[in-house]
């Protein structure tokens, strides 16, 4: 489990979707949920929470890249 997580976090992951354990960890961390709260959430809530987190992270990264380009111009 550690190798996939390290690969995902350093940006070298290329094996498709992340393992469920990484997704669960990220959702729990971001939402402040305990393991019991995560397990009690319906699967579709877990899924759209993960999807929304990815969309937000992508938007934040794009905004940061735009800011970097502006400051170097």
PDB file of N, CA and C in Angstrom:
ATOM      1  N   UNK A   1       0.813  -1.190   0.000  1.00  0.00           N
ATOM      2  CA  UNK A   1       0.000   0.000   0.000  1.00  0.00           C
ATOM      3  C   UNK A   1       0.859   1.259   0.000  1.00  0.00           C
ATOM      4  N   UNK A   2       2.021   1.199   0.609  1.00  0.00           N
ATOM      5  CA  UNK A   2       2.853   2.396   0.668  1.00  0.00           C
ATOM      6  C   UNK A   2       3.394   2.794  -0.698  1.00  0.00           C
ATOM      7  N   UNK A   3       3.788   1.810  -1.512  1.00  0.00           N
ATOM      8  CA  UNK A   3       4.333   2.144  -2.824  1.00  0.00           C
ATOM      9  C   UNK A   3       3.312   2.879  -3.687  1.00  0.00           C
ATOM     10  N   UNK A   4       2.074   2.393  -3.805  1.00  0.00           N
ATOM     11  CA  UNK A   4       1.106   3.158  -4.602  1.00  0.00           C
ATOM     12  C   UNK A   4       0.885   4.575  -4.049  1.00  0.00           C
ATOM     13  N   UNK A   5       0.808   4.710  -2.740  1.00  0.00           N
ATOM     14  CA  UNK A   5       0.589   6.034  -2.150  1.00  0.00           C
ATOM     15  C   UNK A   5       1.761   6.964  -2.475  1.00  0.00           C
ATOM     16  N   UNK A   6       2.990   6.478  -2.315  1.00  0.00           N
ATOM     17  CA  UNK A   6       4.157   7.305  -2.632  1.00  0.00           C
ATOM     18  C   UNK A   6       4.148   7.705  -4.099  1.00  0.00           C
ATOM     19  N   UNK A   7       3.815   6.779  -4.957  1.00  0.00           N
ATOM     20  CA  UNK A   7       3.774   7.039  -6.387  1.00  0.00           C
ATOM     21  C   UNK A   7       2.694   8.072  -6.734  1.00  0.00           C
ATOM     22  N   UNK A   8       1.555   7.969  -6.099  1.00  0.00           N
ATOM     23  CA  UNK A   8       0.470   8.930  -6.342  1.00  0.00           C
ATOM     24  C   UNK A   8       0.887  10.317  -5.885  1.00  0.00           C
ATOM     25  N   UNK A   9       1.433  10.411  -4.684  1.00  0.00           N
ATOM     26  CA  UNK A   9       1.768  11.715  -4.116  1.00  0.00           C
ATOM     27  C   UNK A   9       2.968  12.379  -4.785  1.00  0.00           C
ATOM     28  N   UNK A  10       3.871  11.590  -5.363  1.00  0.00           N
ATOM     29  CA  UNK A  10       4.998  12.232  -6.053  1.00  0.00           C
ATOM     30  C   UNK A  10       4.726  12.435  -7.541  1.00  0.00           C
ATOM     31  N   UNK A  11       3.525  12.038  -7.994  1.00  0.00           N
ATOM     32  CA  UNK A  11       3.115  12.315  -9.364  1.00  0.00           C
ATOM     33  C   UNK A  11       3.582  11.315 -10.401  1.00  0.00           C
ATOM     34  N   UNK A  12       4.059  10.148  -9.976  1.00  0.00           N
ATOM     35  CA  UNK A  12       4.534   9.158 -10.937  1.00  0.00           C
ATOM     36  C   UNK A  12       3.562   7.986 -11.118  1.00  0.00           C
ATOM     37  N   UNK A  13       2.402   8.058 -10.517  1.00  0.00           N
ATOM     38  CA  UNK A  13       1.406   6.985 -10.621  1.00  0.00           C
ATOM     39  C   UNK A  13       0.855   6.947 -12.042  1.00  0.00           C
ATOM     40  N   UNK A  14       0.875   5.780 -12.651  1.00  0.00           N
ATOM     41  CA  UNK A  14       0.339   5.653 -14.008  1.00  0.00           C
ATOM     42  C   UNK A  14      -0.402   4.335 -14.177  1.00  0.00           C
ATOM     43  N   UNK A  15      -0.941   3.828 -13.102  1.00  0.00           N
ATOM     44  CA  UNK A  15      -1.590   2.520 -13.135  1.00  0.00           C
ATOM     45  C   UNK A  15      -3.107   2.610 -13.033  1.00  0.00           C
ATOM     46  N   UNK A  16      -3.694   3.672 -13.572  1.00  0.00           N
ATOM     47  CA  UNK A  16      -5.142   3.810 -13.521  1.00  0.00           C
ATOM     48  C   UNK A  16      -5.601   4.499 -12.252  1.00  0.00           C
ATOM     49  N   UNK A  17      -6.858   4.258 -11.876  1.00  0.00           N
ATOM     50  CA  UNK A  17      -7.398   4.900 -10.678  1.00  0.00           C
ATOM     51  C   UNK A  17      -6.613   4.489  -9.428  1.00  0.00           C
ATOM     52  N   UNK A  18      -6.562   5.366  -8.443  1.00  0.00           N
ATOM     53  CA  UNK A  18      -5.839   5.003  -7.212  1.00  0.00           C
ATOM     54  C   UNK A  18      -6.564   3.879  -6.478  1.00  0.00           C
ATOM     55  N   UNK A  19      -5.825   3.130  -5.663  1.00  0.00           N
ATOM     56  CA  UNK A  19      -6.458   2.079  -4.858  1.00  0.00           C
ATOM     57  C   UNK A  19      -7.523   2.666  -3.930  1.00  0.00           C
ATOM     58  N   UNK A  20      -8.532   1.876  -3.650  1.00  0.00           N
ATOM     59  CA  UNK A  20      -9.625   2.317  -2.782  1.00  0.00           C
ATOM     60  C   UNK A  20      -9.127   2.821  -1.433  1.00  0.00           C
ATOM     61  N   UNK A  21      -8.075   2.214  -0.909  1.00  0.00           N
ATOM     62  CA  UNK A  21      -7.556   2.624   0.387  1.00  0.00           C
ATOM     63  C   UNK A  21      -7.048   4.055   0.362  1.00  0.00           C
ATOM     64  N   UNK A  22      -6.428   4.458  -0.734  1.00  0.00           N
ATOM     65  CA  UNK A  22      -5.935   5.830  -0.860  1.00  0.00           C
ATOM     66  C   UNK A  22      -7.113   6.793  -0.986  1.00  0.00           C
ATOM     67  N   UNK A  23      -8.092   6.411  -1.784  1.00  0.00           N
ATOM     68  CA  UNK A  23      -9.290   7.239  -1.930  1.00  0.00           C
ATOM     69  C   UNK A  23      -9.973   7.403  -0.573  1.00  0.00           C
ATOM     70  N   UNK A  24     -10.146   6.287   0.155  1.00  0.00           N
ATOM     71  CA  UNK A  24     -10.772   6.358   1.480  1.00  0.00           C
ATOM     72  C   UNK A  24      -9.999   7.280   2.404  1.00  0.00           C
ATOM     73  N   UNK A  25      -8.680   7.149   2.418  1.00  0.00           N
ATOM     74  CA  UNK A  25      -7.855   8.001   3.270  1.00  0.00           C
ATOM     75  C   UNK A  25      -8.040   9.472   2.919  1.00  0.00           C
ATOM     76  N   UNK A  26      -7.999   9.785   1.634  1.00  0.00           N
ATOM     77  CA  UNK A  26      -8.121  11.179   1.208  1.00  0.00           C
ATOM     78  C   UNK A  26      -9.492  11.757   1.549  1.00  0.00           C
ATOM     79  N   UNK A  27     -10.541  10.983   1.347  1.00  0.00           N
ATOM     80  CA  UNK A  27     -11.892  11.457   1.673  1.00  0.00           C
ATOM     81  C   UNK A  27     -12.014  11.669   3.178  1.00  0.00           C
ATOM     82  N   UNK A  28     -11.540  10.708   3.973  1.00  0.00           N
ATOM     83  CA  UNK A  28     -11.603  10.850   5.433  1.00  0.00           C
ATOM     84  C   UNK A  28     -10.829  12.079   5.880  1.00  0.00           C
ATOM     85  N   UNK A  29      -9.652  12.267   5.347  1.00  0.00           N
ATOM     86  CA  UNK A  29      -8.790  13.388   5.735  1.00  0.00           C
ATOM     87  C   UNK A  29      -9.439  14.723   5.385  1.00  0.00           C
ATOM     88  N   UNK A  30      -9.910  14.819   4.159  1.00  0.00           N
ATOM     89  CA  UNK A  30     -10.482  16.074   3.681  1.00  0.00           C
ATOM     90  C   UNK A  30     -11.783  16.426   4.392  1.00  0.00           C
ATOM     91  N   UNK A  31     -12.604  15.419   4.676  1.00  0.00           N
ATOM     92  CA  UNK A  31     -13.908  15.659   5.282  1.00  0.00           C
ATOM     93  C   UNK A  31     -13.856  15.639   6.811  1.00  0.00           C
ATOM     94  N   UNK A  32     -12.743  15.183   7.376  1.00  0.00           N
ATOM     95  CA  UNK A  32     -12.646  15.074   8.823  1.00  0.00           C
ATOM     96  C   UNK A  32     -13.468  13.922   9.372  1.00  0.00           C
ATOM     97  N   UNK A  33     -13.691  12.919   8.537  1.00  0.00           N
ATOM     98  CA  UNK A  33     -14.497  11.766   8.943  1.00  0.00           C
ATOM     99  C   UNK A  33     -13.638  10.708   9.625  1.00  0.00           C
ATOM    100  N   UNK A  34     -14.222  10.007  10.552  1.00  0.00           N
ATOM    101  CA  UNK A  34     -13.592   8.827  11.137  1.00  0.00           C
ATOM    102  C   UNK A  34     -13.842   7.648  10.190  1.00  0.00           C
ATOM    103  N   UNK A  35     -13.184   6.543  10.467  1.00  0.00           N
ATOM    104  CA  UNK A  35     -13.407   5.325   9.682  1.00  0.00           C
ATOM    105  C   UNK A  35     -14.876   4.899   9.768  1.00  0.00           C
ATOM    106  N   UNK A  36     -15.456   4.987  10.948  1.00  0.00           N
ATOM    107  CA  UNK A  36     -16.855   4.606  11.121  1.00  0.00           C
ATOM    108  C   UNK A  36     -17.778   5.526  10.316  1.00  0.00           C
ATOM    109  N   UNK A  37     -17.479   6.817  10.303  1.00  0.00           N
ATOM    110  CA  UNK A  37     -18.289   7.748   9.522  1.00  0.00           C
ATOM    111  C   UNK A  37     -18.172   7.467   8.025  1.00  0.00           C
ATOM    112  N   UNK A  38     -16.967   7.174   7.587  1.00  0.00           N
ATOM    113  CA  UNK A  38     -16.767   6.827   6.180  1.00  0.00           C
ATOM    114  C   UNK A  38     -17.562   5.581   5.826  1.00  0.00           C
ATOM    115  N   UNK A  39     -17.452   4.559   6.657  1.00  0.00           N
ATOM    116  CA  UNK A  39     -18.166   3.309   6.391  1.00  0.00           C
ATOM    117  C   UNK A  39     -19.677   3.489   6.441  1.00  0.00           C
ATOM    118  N   UNK A  40     -20.151   4.452   7.207  1.00  0.00           N
ATOM    119  CA  UNK A  40     -21.579   4.705   7.308  1.00  0.00           C
ATOM    120  C   UNK A  40     -22.138   5.538   6.169  1.00  0.00           C
ATOM    121  N   UNK A  41     -21.242   6.156   5.393  1.00  0.00           N
ATOM    122  CA  UNK A  41     -21.697   6.976   4.271  1.00  0.00           C
ATOM    123  C   UNK A  41     -22.080   6.071   3.103  1.00  0.00           C
ATOM    124  N   UNK A  42     -23.179   6.355   2.451  1.00  0.00           N
ATOM    125  CA  UNK A  42     -23.549   5.560   1.270  1.00  0.00           C
ATOM    126  C   UNK A  42     -22.456   5.633   0.210  1.00  0.00           C
ATOM    127  N   UNK A  43     -22.333   4.596  -0.607  1.00  0.00           N
ATOM    128  CA  UNK A  43     -21.257   4.530  -1.605  1.00  0.00           C
ATOM    129  C   UNK A  43     -21.296   5.725  -2.547  1.00  0.00           C
ATOM    130  N   UNK A  44     -22.509   6.181  -2.923  1.00  0.00           N
ATOM    131  CA  UNK A  44     -22.574   7.294  -3.871  1.00  0.00           C
ATOM    132  C   UNK A  44     -22.079   8.596  -3.239  1.00  0.00           C
ATOM    133  N   UNK A  45     -22.248   8.760  -1.933  1.00  0.00           N
ATOM    134  CA  UNK A  45     -21.730   9.953  -1.250  1.00  0.00           C
ATOM    135  C   UNK A  45     -20.206   9.908  -1.254  1.00  0.00           C
ATOM    136  N   UNK A  46     -19.651   8.747  -0.980  1.00  0.00           N
ATOM    137  CA  UNK A  46     -18.196   8.609  -1.012  1.00  0.00           C
ATOM    138  C   UNK A  46     -17.673   8.902  -2.406  1.00  0.00           C
ATOM    139  N   UNK A  47     -18.377   8.407  -3.423  1.00  0.00           N
ATOM    140  CA  UNK A  47     -17.935   8.584  -4.805  1.00  0.00           C
ATOM    141  C   UNK A  47     -17.995  10.055  -5.226  1.00  0.00           C
ATOM    142  N   UNK A  48     -19.133  10.725  -5.003  1.00  0.00           N
ATOM    143  CA  UNK A  48     -19.187  12.117  -5.467  1.00  0.00           C
ATOM    144  C   UNK A  48     -18.310  13.018  -4.610  1.00  0.00           C
ATOM    145  N   UNK A  49     -18.082  12.659  -3.346  1.00  0.00           N
ATOM    146  CA  UNK A  49     -17.145  13.435  -2.528  1.00  0.00           C
ATOM    147  C   UNK A  49     -15.748  13.352  -3.134  1.00  0.00           C
ATOM    148  N   UNK A  50     -15.329  12.169  -3.520  1.00  0.00           N
ATOM    149  CA  UNK A  50     -14.021  11.978  -4.150  1.00  0.00           C
ATOM    150  C   UNK A  50     -13.956  12.751  -5.476  1.00  0.00           C
ATOM    151  N   UNK A  51     -14.995  12.639  -6.288  1.00  0.00           N
ATOM    152  CA  UNK A  51     -15.012  13.345  -7.568  1.00  0.00           C
ATOM    153  C   UNK A  51     -14.909  14.856  -7.365  1.00  0.00           C
ATOM    154  N   UNK A  52     -15.640  15.391  -6.402  1.00  0.00           N
ATOM    155  CA  UNK A  52     -15.587  16.826  -6.129  1.00  0.00           C
ATOM    156  C   UNK A  52     -14.216  17.257  -5.613  1.00  0.00           C
ATOM    157  N   UNK A  53     -13.604  16.420  -4.788  1.00  0.00           N
ATOM    158  CA  UNK A  53     -12.253  16.737  -4.307  1.00  0.00           C
ATOM    159  C   UNK A  53     -11.274  16.831  -5.470  1.00  0.00           C
ATOM    160  N   UNK A  54     -11.377  15.907  -6.419  1.00  0.00           N
ATOM    161  CA  UNK A  54     -10.480  15.924  -7.572  1.00  0.00           C
ATOM    162  C   UNK A  54     -10.708  17.166  -8.431  1.00  0.00           C
ATOM    163  N   UNK A  55     -11.969  17.534  -8.633  1.00  0.00           N
ATOM    164  CA  UNK A  55     -12.282  18.727  -9.421  1.00  0.00           C
ATOM    165  C   UNK A  55     -11.716  19.967  -8.741  1.00  0.00           C
ATOM    166  N   UNK A  56     -11.897  20.069  -7.429  1.00  0.00           N
ATOM    167  CA  UNK A  56     -11.383  21.227  -6.699  1.00  0.00           C
ATOM    168  C   UNK A  56      -9.858  21.287  -6.759  1.00  0.00           C
ATOM    169  N   UNK A  57      -9.199  20.150  -6.581  1.00  0.00           N
ATOM    170  CA  UNK A  57      -7.732  20.137  -6.635  1.00  0.00           C
ATOM    171  C   UNK A  57      -7.225  20.548  -8.004  1.00  0.00           C
ATOM    172  N   UNK A  58      -7.897  20.087  -9.051  1.00  0.00           N
ATOM    173  CA  UNK A  58      -7.488  20.463 -10.396  1.00  0.00           C
ATOM    174  C   UNK A  58      -7.662  21.966 -10.618  1.00  0.00           C
ATOM    175  N   UNK A  59      -8.775  22.519 -10.165  1.00  0.00           N
ATOM    176  CA  UNK A  59      -9.012  23.951 -10.299  1.00  0.00           C
ATOM    177  C   UNK A  59      -7.971  24.754  -9.515  1.00  0.00           C
ATOM    178  N   UNK A  60      -7.624  24.311  -8.325  1.00  0.00           N
ATOM    179  CA  UNK A  60      -6.612  24.995  -7.521  1.00  0.00           C
ATOM    180  C   UNK A  60      -5.252  24.950  -8.206  1.00  0.00           C
ATOM    181  N   UNK A  61      -4.912  23.807  -8.786  1.00  0.00           N
ATOM    182  CA  UNK A  61      -3.637  23.673  -9.482  1.00  0.00           C
ATOM    183  C   UNK A  61      -3.593  24.591 -10.703  1.00  0.00           C
ATOM    184  N   UNK A  62      -4.681  24.642 -11.453  1.00  0.00           N
ATOM    185  CA  UNK A  62      -4.724  25.506 -12.627  1.00  0.00           C
ATOM    186  C   UNK A  62      -4.614  26.980 -12.229  1.00  0.00           C
ATOM    187  N   UNK A  63      -5.281  27.364 -11.149  1.00  0.00           N
ATOM    188  CA  UNK A  63      -5.194  28.747 -10.674  1.00  0.00           C
ATOM    189  C   UNK A  63      -3.769  29.080 -10.250  1.00  0.00           C
ATOM    190  N   UNK A  64      -3.115  28.146  -9.586  1.00  0.00           N
ATOM    191  CA  UNK A  64      -1.734  28.368  -9.170  1.00  0.00           C
ATOM    192  C   UNK A  64      -0.822  28.502 -10.386  1.00  0.00           C
ATOM    193  N   UNK A  65      -1.029  27.662 -11.398  1.00  0.00           N
ATOM    194  CA  UNK A  65      -0.216  27.741 -12.609  1.00  0.00           C
ATOM    195  C   UNK A  65      -0.431  29.070 -13.330  1.00  0.00           C
ATOM    196  N   UNK A  66      -1.667  29.548 -13.384  1.00  0.00           N
ATOM    197  CA  UNK A  66      -1.938  30.854 -14.003  1.00  0.00           C
ATOM    198  C   UNK A  66      -1.232  31.967 -13.236  1.00  0.00           C
ATOM    199  N   UNK A  67      -1.260  31.883 -11.913  1.00  0.00           N
ATOM    200  CA  UNK A  67      -0.581  32.875 -11.095  1.00  0.00           C
ATOM    201  C   UNK A  67       0.919  32.853 -11.303  1.00  0.00           C
ATOM    202  N   UNK A  68       1.477  31.679 -11.451  1.00  0.00           N
ATOM    203  CA  UNK A  68       2.915  31.545 -11.677  1.00  0.00           C
ATOM    204  C   UNK A  68       3.294  32.135 -13.038  1.00  0.00           C
ATOM    205  N   UNK A  69       2.480  31.870 -14.052  1.00  0.00           N
ATOM    206  CA  UNK A  69       2.763  32.415 -15.383  1.00  0.00           C
ATOM    207  C   UNK A  69       2.681  33.942 -15.373  1.00  0.00           C
ATOM    208  N   UNK A  70       1.696  34.490 -14.670  1.00  0.00           N
ATOM    209  CA  UNK A  70       1.542  35.947 -14.603  1.00  0.00           C
ATOM    210  C   UNK A  70       2.717  36.599 -13.903  1.00  0.00           C
ATOM    211  N   UNK A  71       3.170  35.980 -12.838  1.00  0.00           N
ATOM    212  CA  UNK A  71       4.267  36.592 -12.070  1.00  0.00           C
ATOM    213  C   UNK A  71       5.612  36.490 -12.804  1.00  0.00           C
ATOM    214  N   UNK A  72       5.745  35.533 -13.706  1.00  0.00           N
ATOM    215  CA  UNK A  72       7.004  35.412 -14.436  1.00  0.00           C
ATOM    216  C   UNK A  72       6.978  36.178 -15.752  1.00  0.00           C
ATOM    217  N   UNK A  73       5.833  36.724 -16.112  1.00  0.00           N
ATOM    218  CA  UNK A  73       5.728  37.471 -17.383  1.00  0.00           C
ATOM    219  C   UNK A  73       6.183  38.909 -17.224  1.00  0.00           C
TER     220      UNK A  73
END
